Amino acid sequence: MSRRVSLGRLHRKVTKCDVVTGDLGIKEMAIHVDYVNHGDRRYSYFVEGEVLADGKKVSDFMSTAENLAKGQKFTDNDAGALVNADEIKDAKKLECKTIKASRTDF
């Protein structure tokens, strides 16, 4: 039986929150989330958050890490966020803020 629990900050951390130029020359968000399983068994992780431009919410994002063994580390380099480049192009400060994080055991 699996169960979902809330997480402290030790299990996950947003490590990148920037505008980058993508493969097709289009500006896009790059959000990276690092995970470390500090539990005593395998867990999958789910993080929900929001993207702020100069303190104003412009989008949501989500990230997952699946089936991490005890002590295993993983970086999600493709955390999902749909952000219009026009909304963030003039922002002086971008922030990716975690709203909710949970894990499910196996």
PDB file of N, CA and C in Angstrom:
ATOM      1  N   MET A   1       0.843  -1.177   0.000  1.00  0.00           N
ATOM      2  CA  MET A   1       0.000   0.000   0.000  1.00  0.00           C
ATOM      3  C   MET A   1       0.890   1.243   0.000  1.00  0.00           C
ATOM      4  N   SER A   2       0.631   2.151  -0.899  1.00  0.00           N
ATOM      5  CA  SER A   2       1.430   3.375  -0.941  1.00  0.00           C
ATOM      6  C   SER A   2       0.748   4.462  -0.125  1.00  0.00           C
ATOM      7  N   ARG A   3       1.548   5.412   0.312  1.00  0.00           N
ATOM      8  CA  ARG A   3       0.997   6.546   1.053  1.00  0.00           C
ATOM      9  C   ARG A   3       1.737   7.794   0.641  1.00  0.00           C
ATOM     10  N   ARG A   4       1.070   8.915   0.725  1.00  0.00           N
ATOM     11  CA  ARG A   4       1.639  10.196   0.326  1.00  0.00           C
ATOM     12  C   ARG A   4       1.879  11.018   1.582  1.00  0.00           C
ATOM     13  N   VAL A   5       3.089  11.597   1.700  1.00  0.00           N
ATOM     14  CA  VAL A   5       3.424  12.421   2.862  1.00  0.00           C
ATOM     15  C   VAL A   5       4.004  13.750   2.397  1.00  0.00           C
ATOM     16  N   SER A   6       3.852  14.771   3.226  1.00  0.00           N
ATOM     17  CA  SER A   6       4.460  16.067   2.930  1.00  0.00           C
ATOM     18  C   SER A   6       5.949  16.002   3.230  1.00  0.00           C
ATOM     19  N   LEU A   7       6.726  16.845   2.538  1.00  0.00           N
ATOM     20  CA  LEU A   7       8.177  16.790   2.652  1.00  0.00           C
ATOM     21  C   LEU A   7       8.771  18.043   3.237  1.00  0.00           C
ATOM     22  N   GLY A   8       9.860  17.860   3.962  1.00  0.00           N
ATOM     23  CA  GLY A   8      10.688  18.989   4.350  1.00  0.00           C
ATOM     24  C   GLY A   8      11.603  19.371   3.196  1.00  0.00           C
ATOM     25  N   ARG A   9      12.302  20.472   3.329  1.00  0.00           N
ATOM     26  CA  ARG A   9      13.165  20.980   2.258  1.00  0.00           C
ATOM     27  C   ARG A   9      14.371  20.083   1.980  1.00  0.00           C
ATOM     28  N   LEU A  10      14.718  19.180   2.883  1.00  0.00           N
ATOM     29  CA  LEU A  10      15.904  18.361   2.684  1.00  0.00           C
ATOM     30  C   LEU A  10      15.789  17.424   1.491  1.00  0.00           C
ATOM     31  N   HIS A  11      14.594  17.053   1.088  1.00  0.00           N
ATOM     32  CA  HIS A  11      14.396  16.078   0.024  1.00  0.00           C
ATOM     33  C   HIS A  11      14.426  16.694  -1.367  1.00  0.00           C
ATOM     34  N   ARG A  12      14.157  18.007  -1.507  1.00  0.00           N
ATOM     35  CA  ARG A  12      14.101  18.644  -2.809  1.00  0.00           C
ATOM     36  C   ARG A  12      14.486  20.116  -2.710  1.00  0.00           C
ATOM     37  N   LYS A  13      15.031  20.639  -3.835  1.00  0.00           N
ATOM     38  CA  LYS A  13      15.455  22.030  -3.855  1.00  0.00           C
ATOM     39  C   LYS A  13      15.457  22.521  -5.300  1.00  0.00           C
ATOM     40  N   VAL A  14      14.876  23.706  -5.549  1.00  0.00           N
ATOM     41  CA  VAL A  14      14.952  24.322  -6.873  1.00  0.00           C
ATOM     42  C   VAL A  14      16.357  24.896  -7.018  1.00  0.00           C
ATOM     43  N   THR A  15      17.105  24.433  -8.026  1.00  0.00           N
ATOM     44  CA  THR A  15      18.494  24.855  -8.194  1.00  0.00           C
ATOM     45  C   THR A  15      18.712  25.766  -9.398  1.00  0.00           C
ATOM     46  N   LYS A  16      17.709  25.874 -10.266  1.00  0.00           N
ATOM     47  CA  LYS A  16      17.817  26.793 -11.405  1.00  0.00           C
ATOM     48  C   LYS A  16      16.446  27.344 -11.718  1.00  0.00           C
ATOM     49  N   CYS A  17      16.400  28.648 -11.949  1.00  0.00           N
ATOM     50  CA  CYS A  17      15.157  29.340 -12.301  1.00  0.00           C
ATOM     51  C   CYS A  17      15.555  30.529 -13.176  1.00  0.00           C
ATOM     52  N   ASP A  18      15.734  30.272 -14.466  1.00  0.00           N
ATOM     53  CA  ASP A  18      16.266  31.281 -15.375  1.00  0.00           C
ATOM     54  C   ASP A  18      15.561  31.233 -16.727  1.00  0.00           C
ATOM     55  N   VAL A  19      15.678  32.319 -17.464  1.00  0.00           N
ATOM     56  CA  VAL A  19      15.260  32.355 -18.858  1.00  0.00           C
ATOM     57  C   VAL A  19      16.471  31.966 -19.698  1.00  0.00           C
ATOM     58  N   VAL A  20      16.273  31.031 -20.609  1.00  0.00           N
ATOM     59  CA  VAL A  20      17.341  30.577 -21.494  1.00  0.00           C
ATOM     60  C   VAL A  20      16.848  30.617 -22.935  1.00  0.00           C
ATOM     61  N   THR A  21      17.770  30.549 -23.863  1.00  0.00           N
ATOM     62  CA  THR A  21      17.410  30.447 -25.273  1.00  0.00           C
ATOM     63  C   THR A  21      17.388  28.978 -25.640  1.00  0.00           C
ATOM     64  N   GLY A  22      16.234  28.506 -26.090  1.00  0.00           N
ATOM     65  CA  GLY A  22      16.060  27.098 -26.418  1.00  0.00           C
ATOM     66  C   GLY A  22      16.679  26.705 -27.748  1.00  0.00           C
ATOM     67  N   ASP A  23      16.480  25.448 -28.124  1.00  0.00           N
ATOM     68  CA  ASP A  23      17.062  24.880 -29.333  1.00  0.00           C
ATOM     69  C   ASP A  23      16.668  25.637 -30.607  1.00  0.00           C
ATOM     70  N   LEU A  24      15.479  26.174 -30.647  1.00  0.00           N
ATOM     71  CA  LEU A  24      14.998  26.880 -31.836  1.00  0.00           C
ATOM     72  C   LEU A  24      15.197  28.385 -31.739  1.00  0.00           C
ATOM     73  N   GLY A  25      16.006  28.830 -30.771  1.00  0.00           N
ATOM     74  CA  GLY A  25      16.261  30.250 -30.612  1.00  0.00           C
ATOM     75  C   GLY A  25      15.162  31.000 -29.888  1.00  0.00           C
ATOM     76  N   ILE A  26      14.254  30.267 -29.279  1.00  0.00           N
ATOM     77  CA  ILE A  26      13.125  30.856 -28.560  1.00  0.00           C
ATOM     78  C   ILE A  26      13.452  30.930 -27.076  1.00  0.00           C
ATOM     79  N   LYS A  27      13.108  32.037 -26.441  1.00  0.00           N
ATOM     80  CA  LYS A  27      13.321  32.196 -24.995  1.00  0.00           C
ATOM     81  C   LYS A  27      12.325  31.307 -24.254  1.00  0.00           C
ATOM     82  N   GLU A  28      12.823  30.612 -23.226  1.00  0.00           N
ATOM     83  CA  GLU A  28      11.976  29.731 -22.420  1.00  0.00           C
ATOM     84  C   GLU A  28      12.522  29.651 -21.003  1.00  0.00           C
ATOM     85  N   MET A  29      11.693  29.138 -20.105  1.00  0.00           N
ATOM     86  CA  MET A  29      12.100  28.961 -18.711  1.00  0.00           C
ATOM     87  C   MET A  29      12.916  27.688 -18.558  1.00  0.00           C
ATOM     88  N   ALA A  30      13.935  27.755 -17.744  1.00  0.00           N
ATOM     89  CA  ALA A  30      14.697  26.571 -17.336  1.00  0.00           C
ATOM     90  C   ALA A  30      14.544  26.455 -15.827  1.00  0.00           C
ATOM     91  N   ILE A  31      13.880  25.389 -15.403  1.00  0.00           N
ATOM     92  CA  ILE A  31      13.688  25.127 -13.977  1.00  0.00           C
ATOM     93  C   ILE A  31      14.270  23.752 -13.680  1.00  0.00           C
ATOM     94  N   HIS A  32      15.221  23.707 -12.752  1.00  0.00           N
ATOM     95  CA  HIS A  32      15.828  22.445 -12.335  1.00  0.00           C
ATOM     96  C   HIS A  32      15.504  22.219 -10.858  1.00  0.00           C
ATOM     97  N   VAL A  33      15.158  20.982 -10.534  1.00  0.00           N
ATOM     98  CA  VAL A  33      14.863  20.612  -9.149  1.00  0.00           C
ATOM     99  C   VAL A  33      15.727  19.407  -8.785  1.00  0.00           C
ATOM    100  N   ASP A  34      16.504  19.540  -7.710  1.00  0.00           N
ATOM    101  CA  ASP A  34      17.324  18.443  -7.202  1.00  0.00           C
ATOM    102  C   ASP A  34      16.549  17.684  -6.132  1.00  0.00           C
ATOM    103  N   TYR A  35      16.673  16.366  -6.158  1.00  0.00           N
ATOM    104  CA  TYR A  35      16.028  15.495  -5.170  1.00  0.00           C
ATOM    105  C   TYR A  35      17.077  14.612  -4.523  1.00  0.00           C
ATOM    106  N   VAL A  36      16.891  14.306  -3.246  1.00  0.00           N
ATOM    107  CA  VAL A  36      17.683  13.304  -2.533  1.00  0.00           C
ATOM    108  C   VAL A  36      16.705  12.508  -1.677  1.00  0.00           C
ATOM    109  N   ASN A  37      16.735  11.196  -1.824  1.00  0.00           N
ATOM    110  CA  ASN A  37      15.869  10.355  -1.010  1.00  0.00           C
ATOM    111  C   ASN A  37      16.561  10.086   0.324  1.00  0.00           C
ATOM    112  N   HIS A  38      16.085  10.762   1.366  1.00  0.00           N
ATOM    113  CA  HIS A  38      16.604  10.554   2.716  1.00  0.00           C
ATOM    114  C   HIS A  38      15.777   9.518   3.482  1.00  0.00           C
ATOM    115  N   GLY A  39      14.827   8.898   2.795  1.00  0.00           N
ATOM    116  CA  GLY A  39      13.967   7.902   3.436  1.00  0.00           C
ATOM    117  C   GLY A  39      14.640   6.554   3.588  1.00  0.00           C
ATOM    118  N   ASP A  40      13.890   5.615   4.112  1.00  0.00           N
ATOM    119  CA  ASP A  40      14.422   4.280   4.379  1.00  0.00           C
ATOM    120  C   ASP A  40      14.001   3.248   3.334  1.00  0.00           C
ATOM    121  N   ARG A  41      13.353   3.697   2.240  1.00  0.00           N
ATOM    122  CA  ARG A  41      12.910   2.811   1.155  1.00  0.00           C
ATOM    123  C   ARG A  41      12.785   3.637  -0.121  1.00  0.00           C
ATOM    124  N   ARG A  42      12.317   3.021  -1.195  1.00  0.00           N
ATOM    125  CA  ARG A  42      12.119   3.734  -2.461  1.00  0.00           C
ATOM    126  C   ARG A  42      10.926   4.692  -2.354  1.00  0.00           C
ATOM    127  N   TYR A  43      11.097   5.878  -2.967  1.00  0.00           N
ATOM    128  CA  TYR A  43      10.027   6.872  -3.002  1.00  0.00           C
ATOM    129  C   TYR A  43       9.988   7.539  -4.370  1.00  0.00           C
ATOM    130  N   SER A  44       8.796   7.988  -4.746  1.00  0.00           N
ATOM    131  CA  SER A  44       8.609   8.890  -5.877  1.00  0.00           C
ATOM    132  C   SER A  44       8.196  10.236  -5.305  1.00  0.00           C
ATOM    133  N   TYR A  45       8.642  11.306  -5.960  1.00  0.00           N
ATOM    134  CA  TYR A  45       8.427  12.672  -5.461  1.00  0.00           C
ATOM    135  C   TYR A  45       7.638  13.497  -6.468  1.00  0.00           C
ATOM    136  N   PHE A  46       6.816  14.412  -5.962  1.00  0.00           N
ATOM    137  CA  PHE A  46       6.039  15.322  -6.791  1.00  0.00           C
ATOM    138  C   PHE A  46       6.086  16.709  -6.159  1.00  0.00           C
ATOM    139  N   VAL A  47       6.488  17.709  -6.949  1.00  0.00           N
ATOM    140  CA  VAL A  47       6.590  19.090  -6.475  1.00  0.00           C
ATOM    141  C   VAL A  47       5.715  19.984  -7.340  1.00  0.00           C
ATOM    142  N   GLU A  48       4.929  20.836  -6.691  1.00  0.00           N
ATOM    143  CA  GLU A  48       4.149  21.862  -7.373  1.00  0.00           C
ATOM    144  C   GLU A  48       4.678  23.223  -6.930  1.00  0.00           C
ATOM    145  N   GLY A  49       4.757  24.157  -7.873  1.00  0.00           N
ATOM    146  CA  GLY A  49       5.272  25.470  -7.526  1.00  0.00           C
ATOM    147  C   GLY A  49       4.743  26.540  -8.447  1.00  0.00           C
ATOM    148  N   GLU A  50       5.285  27.743  -8.274  1.00  0.00           N
ATOM    149  CA  GLU A  50       4.884  28.851  -9.126  1.00  0.00           C
ATOM    150  C   GLU A  50       6.103  29.664  -9.522  1.00  0.00           C
ATOM    151  N   VAL A  51       6.014  30.298 -10.692  1.00  0.00           N
ATOM    152  CA  VAL A  51       7.060  31.173 -11.199  1.00  0.00           C
ATOM    153  C   VAL A  51       6.620  32.606 -10.942  1.00  0.00           C
ATOM    154  N   LEU A  52       7.496  33.384 -10.293  1.00  0.00           N
ATOM    155  CA  LEU A  52       7.211  34.783  -9.990  1.00  0.00           C
ATOM    156  C   LEU A  52       8.185  35.671 -10.765  1.00  0.00           C
ATOM    157  N   ALA A  53       7.657  36.728 -11.351  1.00  0.00           N
ATOM    158  CA  ALA A  53       8.476  37.737 -12.020  1.00  0.00           C
ATOM    159  C   ALA A  53       8.269  39.038 -11.260  1.00  0.00           C
ATOM    160  N   ASP A  54       9.332  39.519 -10.627  1.00  0.00           N
ATOM    161  CA  ASP A  54       9.255  40.720  -9.790  1.00  0.00           C
ATOM    162  C   ASP A  54       8.118  40.621  -8.770  1.00  0.00           C
ATOM    163  N   GLY A  55       7.965  39.418  -8.190  1.00  0.00           N
ATOM    164  CA  GLY A  55       6.978  39.188  -7.143  1.00  0.00           C
ATOM    165  C   GLY A  55       5.576  38.871  -7.637  1.00  0.00           C
ATOM    166  N   LYS A  56       5.344  38.914  -8.944  1.00  0.00           N
ATOM    167  CA  LYS A  56       4.015  38.643  -9.514  1.00  0.00           C
ATOM    168  C   LYS A  56       3.997  37.243 -10.128  1.00  0.00           C
ATOM    169  N   LYS A  57       2.977  36.450  -9.770  1.00  0.00           N
ATOM    170  CA  LYS A  57       2.870  35.101 -10.310  1.00  0.00           C
ATOM    171  C   LYS A  57       2.566  35.159 -11.806  1.00  0.00           C
ATOM    172  N   VAL A  58       3.383  34.431 -12.604  1.00  0.00           N
ATOM    173  CA  VAL A  58       3.165  34.384 -14.049  1.00  0.00           C
ATOM    174  C   VAL A  58       2.876  32.967 -14.549  1.00  0.00           C
ATOM    175  N   SER A  59       3.162  31.960 -13.729  1.00  0.00           N
ATOM    176  CA  SER A  59       2.916  30.589 -14.155  1.00  0.00           C
ATOM    177  C   SER A  59       3.051  29.625 -12.984  1.00  0.00           C
ATOM    178  N   ASP A  60       2.576  28.411 -13.195  1.00  0.00           N
ATOM    179  CA  ASP A  60       2.793  27.296 -12.281  1.00  0.00           C
ATOM    180  C   ASP A  60       3.867  26.399 -12.876  1.00  0.00           C
ATOM    181  N   PHE A  61       4.494  25.576 -12.035  1.00  0.00           N
ATOM    182  CA  PHE A  61       5.385  24.533 -12.544  1.00  0.00           C
ATOM    183  C   PHE A  61       5.198  23.276 -11.732  1.00  0.00           C
ATOM    184  N   MET A  62       5.630  22.151 -12.305  1.00  0.00           N
ATOM    185  CA  MET A  62       5.613  20.883 -11.577  1.00  0.00           C
ATOM    186  C   MET A  62       6.848  20.087 -11.944  1.00  0.00           C
ATOM    187  N   SER A  63       7.223  19.209 -11.022  1.00  0.00           N
ATOM    188  CA  SER A  63       8.408  18.383 -11.196  1.00  0.00           C
ATOM    189  C   SER A  63       8.173  17.041 -10.526  1.00  0.00           C
ATOM    190  N   THR A  64       8.777  16.004 -11.087  1.00  0.00           N
ATOM    191  CA  THR A  64       8.675  14.674 -10.492  1.00  0.00           C
ATOM    192  C   THR A  64      10.026  13.965 -10.497  1.00  0.00           C
ATOM    193  N   ALA A  65      10.183  13.068  -9.569  1.00  0.00           N
ATOM    194  CA  ALA A  65      11.316  12.140  -9.529  1.00  0.00           C
ATOM    195  C   ALA A  65      10.719  10.781  -9.181  1.00  0.00           C
ATOM    196  N   GLU A  66      10.963   9.803 -10.005  1.00  0.00           N
ATOM    197  CA  GLU A  66      10.306   8.505  -9.863  1.00  0.00           C
ATOM    198  C   GLU A  66      11.218   7.433  -9.292  1.00  0.00           C
ATOM    199  N   ASN A  67      10.708   6.719  -8.297  1.00  0.00           N
ATOM    200  CA  ASN A  67      11.299   5.470  -7.818  1.00  0.00           C
ATOM    201  C   ASN A  67      12.766   5.605  -7.386  1.00  0.00           C
ATOM    202  N   LEU A  68      13.061   6.619  -6.559  1.00  0.00           N
ATOM    203  CA  LEU A  68      14.431   6.819  -6.077  1.00  0.00           C
ATOM    204  C   LEU A  68      14.731   5.865  -4.917  1.00  0.00           C
ATOM    205  N   ALA A  69      15.870   5.195  -5.003  1.00  0.00           N
ATOM    206  CA  ALA A  69      16.311   4.307  -3.927  1.00  0.00           C
ATOM    207  C   ALA A  69      16.812   5.133  -2.743  1.00  0.00           C
ATOM    208  N   LYS A  70      16.916   4.495  -1.594  1.00  0.00           N
ATOM    209  CA  LYS A  70      17.447   5.156  -0.396  1.00  0.00           C
ATOM    210  C   LYS A  70      18.812   5.769  -0.713  1.00  0.00           C
ATOM    211  N   GLY A  71      18.967   7.081  -0.443  1.00  0.00           N
ATOM    212  CA  GLY A  71      20.218   7.781  -0.679  1.00  0.00           C
ATOM    213  C   GLY A  71      20.433   8.255  -2.108  1.00  0.00           C
ATOM    214  N   GLN A  72      19.576   7.858  -3.030  1.00  0.00           N
ATOM    215  CA  GLN A  72      19.745   8.226  -4.437  1.00  0.00           C
ATOM    216  C   GLN A  72      19.445   9.699  -4.667  1.00  0.00           C
ATOM    217  N   LYS A  73      20.220  10.318  -5.580  1.00  0.00           N
ATOM    218  CA  LYS A  73      20.033  11.714  -5.966  1.00  0.00           C
ATOM    219  C   LYS A  73      19.560  11.758  -7.414  1.00  0.00           C
ATOM    220  N   PHE A  74      18.769  12.777  -7.740  1.00  0.00           N
ATOM    221  CA  PHE A  74      18.269  12.955  -9.102  1.00  0.00           C
ATOM    222  C   PHE A  74      18.009  14.436  -9.332  1.00  0.00           C
ATOM    223  N   THR A  75      18.338  14.934 -10.537  1.00  0.00           N
ATOM    224  CA  THR A  75      18.020  16.301 -10.914  1.00  0.00           C
ATOM    225  C   THR A  75      17.043  16.286 -12.067  1.00  0.00           C
ATOM    226  N   ASP A  76      15.878  16.908 -11.871  1.00  0.00           N
ATOM    227  CA  ASP A  76      14.891  17.087 -12.936  1.00  0.00           C
ATOM    228  C   ASP A  76      15.261  18.373 -13.666  1.00  0.00           C
ATOM    229  N   ASN A  77      15.874  18.238 -14.840  1.00  0.00           N
ATOM    230  CA  ASN A  77      16.272  19.389 -15.633  1.00  0.00           C
ATOM    231  C   ASN A  77      15.157  19.890 -16.544  1.00  0.00           C
ATOM    232  N   ASP A  78      14.017  19.221 -16.492  1.00  0.00           N
ATOM    233  CA  ASP A  78      12.900  19.574 -17.363  1.00  0.00           C
ATOM    234  C   ASP A  78      11.619  19.812 -16.572  1.00  0.00           C
ATOM    235  N   ALA A  79      11.730  20.459 -15.427  1.00  0.00           N
ATOM    236  CA  ALA A  79      10.527  20.773 -14.654  1.00  0.00           C
ATOM    237  C   ALA A  79       9.596  21.597 -15.548  1.00  0.00           C
ATOM    238  N   GLY A  80       8.338  21.235 -15.566  1.00  0.00           N
ATOM    239  CA  GLY A  80       7.406  21.829 -16.525  1.00  0.00           C
ATOM    240  C   GLY A  80       6.820  23.152 -16.106  1.00  0.00           C
ATOM    241  N   ALA A  81       6.975  24.168 -16.972  1.00  0.00           N
ATOM    242  CA  ALA A  81       6.347  25.474 -16.764  1.00  0.00           C
ATOM    243  C   ALA A  81       6.056  26.079 -18.128  1.00  0.00           C
ATOM    244  N   LEU A  82       4.845  26.542 -18.315  1.00  0.00           N
ATOM    245  CA  LEU A  82       4.482  27.236 -19.546  1.00  0.00           C
ATOM    246  C   LEU A  82       4.444  28.720 -19.241  1.00  0.00           C
ATOM    247  N   VAL A  83       5.478  29.417 -19.687  1.00  0.00           N
ATOM    248  CA  VAL A  83       5.603  30.846 -19.411  1.00  0.00           C
ATOM    249  C   VAL A  83       5.742  31.583 -20.734  1.00  0.00           C
ATOM    250  N   ASN A  84       4.953  32.624 -20.914  1.00  0.00           N
ATOM    251  CA  ASN A  84       5.064  33.479 -22.077  1.00  0.00           C
ATOM    252  C   ASN A  84       6.287  34.381 -21.896  1.00  0.00           C
ATOM    253  N   ALA A  85       7.210  34.334 -22.849  1.00  0.00           N
ATOM    254  CA  ALA A  85       8.453  35.108 -22.728  1.00  0.00           C
ATOM    255  C   ALA A  85       8.185  36.603 -22.577  1.00  0.00           C
ATOM    256  N   ASP A  86       7.112  37.104 -23.163  1.00  0.00           N
ATOM    257  CA  ASP A  86       6.784  38.526 -23.044  1.00  0.00           C
ATOM    258  C   ASP A  86       6.471  38.919 -21.602  1.00  0.00           C
ATOM    259  N   GLU A  87       5.947  37.976 -20.816  1.00  0.00           N
ATOM    260  CA  GLU A  87       5.611  38.268 -19.427  1.00  0.00           C
ATOM    261  C   GLU A  87       6.839  38.391 -18.533  1.00  0.00           C
ATOM    262  N   ILE A  88       7.950  37.818 -18.948  1.00  0.00           N
ATOM    263  CA  ILE A  88       9.121  37.787 -18.072  1.00  0.00           C
ATOM    264  C   ILE A  88      10.341  38.488 -18.661  1.00  0.00           C
ATOM    265  N   LYS A  89      10.263  38.951 -19.904  1.00  0.00           N
ATOM    266  CA  LYS A  89      11.460  39.483 -20.570  1.00  0.00           C
ATOM    267  C   LYS A  89      12.068  40.693 -19.878  1.00  0.00           C
ATOM    268  N   ASP A  90      11.246  41.524 -19.230  1.00  0.00           N
ATOM    269  CA  ASP A  90      11.757  42.721 -18.568  1.00  0.00           C
ATOM    270  C   ASP A  90      11.891  42.561 -17.050  1.00  0.00           C
ATOM    271  N   ALA A  91      11.642  41.347 -16.547  1.00  0.00           N
ATOM    272  CA  ALA A  91      11.683  41.126 -15.100  1.00  0.00           C
ATOM    273  C   ALA A  91      13.104  41.277 -14.573  1.00  0.00           C
ATOM    274  N   LYS A  92      13.220  41.956 -13.459  1.00  0.00           N
ATOM    275  CA  LYS A  92      14.513  42.120 -12.804  1.00  0.00           C
ATOM    276  C   LYS A  92      14.837  40.923 -11.905  1.00  0.00           C
ATOM    277  N   LYS A  93      13.768  40.253 -11.405  1.00  0.00           N
ATOM    278  CA  LYS A  93      13.981  39.114 -10.516  1.00  0.00           C
ATOM    279  C   LYS A  93      12.979  38.010 -10.855  1.00  0.00           C
ATOM    280  N   LEU A  94      13.501  36.823 -11.149  1.00  0.00           N
ATOM    281  CA  LEU A  94      12.674  35.638 -11.347  1.00  0.00           C
ATOM    282  C   LEU A  94      12.845  34.720 -10.149  1.00  0.00           C
ATOM    283  N   GLU A  95      11.741  34.112  -9.739  1.00  0.00           N
ATOM    284  CA  GLU A  95      11.790  33.196  -8.602  1.00  0.00           C
ATOM    285  C   GLU A  95      10.892  32.007  -8.898  1.00  0.00           C
ATOM    286  N   CYS A  96      11.375  30.816  -8.590  1.00  0.00           N
ATOM    287  CA  CYS A  96      10.581  29.600  -8.699  1.00  0.00           C
ATOM    288  C   CYS A  96      10.365  29.096  -7.280  1.00  0.00           C
ATOM    289  N   LYS A  97       9.143  29.184  -6.834  1.00  0.00           N
ATOM    290  CA  LYS A  97       8.795  28.944  -5.435  1.00  0.00           C
ATOM    291  C   LYS A  97       8.001  27.645  -5.308  1.00  0.00           C
ATOM    292  N   THR A  98       8.460  26.765  -4.429  1.00  0.00           N
ATOM    293  CA  THR A  98       7.733  25.523  -4.167  1.00  0.00           C
ATOM    294  C   THR A  98       6.504  25.812  -3.309  1.00  0.00           C
ATOM    295  N   ILE A  99       5.361  25.309  -3.754  1.00  0.00           N
ATOM    296  CA  ILE A  99       4.106  25.477  -3.029  1.00  0.00           C
ATOM    297  C   ILE A  99       3.766  24.210  -2.241  1.00  0.00           C
ATOM    298  N   LYS A 100       3.969  23.069  -2.888  1.00  0.00           N
ATOM    299  CA  LYS A 100       3.601  21.801  -2.259  1.00  0.00           C
ATOM    300  C   LYS A 100       4.566  20.709  -2.753  1.00  0.00           C
ATOM    301  N   ALA A 101       5.013  19.869  -1.839  1.00  0.00           N
ATOM    302  CA  ALA A 101       5.878  18.756  -2.201  1.00  0.00           C
ATOM    303  C   ALA A 101       5.422  17.512  -1.445  1.00  0.00           C
ATOM    304  N   SER A 102       5.428  16.395  -2.130  1.00  0.00           N
ATOM    305  CA  SER A 102       5.009  15.148  -1.472  1.00  0.00           C
ATOM    306  C   SER A 102       5.810  13.980  -2.039  1.00  0.00           C
ATOM    307  N   ARG A 103       5.764  12.870  -1.329  1.00  0.00           N
ATOM    308  CA  ARG A 103       6.408  11.660  -1.816  1.00  0.00           C
ATOM    309  C   ARG A 103       5.476  10.482  -1.559  1.00  0.00           C
ATOM    310  N   THR A 104       5.635   9.471  -2.387  1.00  0.00           N
ATOM    311  CA  THR A 104       4.841   8.248  -2.284  1.00  0.00           C
ATOM    312  C   THR A 104       5.803   7.088  -2.165  1.00  0.00           C
ATOM    313  N   ASP A 105       5.581   6.218  -1.194  1.00  0.00           N
ATOM    314  CA  ASP A 105       6.473   5.068  -1.046  1.00  0.00           C
ATOM    315  C   ASP A 105       5.955   3.876  -1.833  1.00  0.00           C
ATOM    316  N   PHE A 106       6.786   2.839  -1.912  1.00  0.00           N
ATOM    317  CA  PHE A 106       6.436   1.630  -2.656  1.00  0.00           C
ATOM    318  C   PHE A 106       6.233   0.475  -1.712  1.00  0.00           C
TER     319      PHE A 106
END
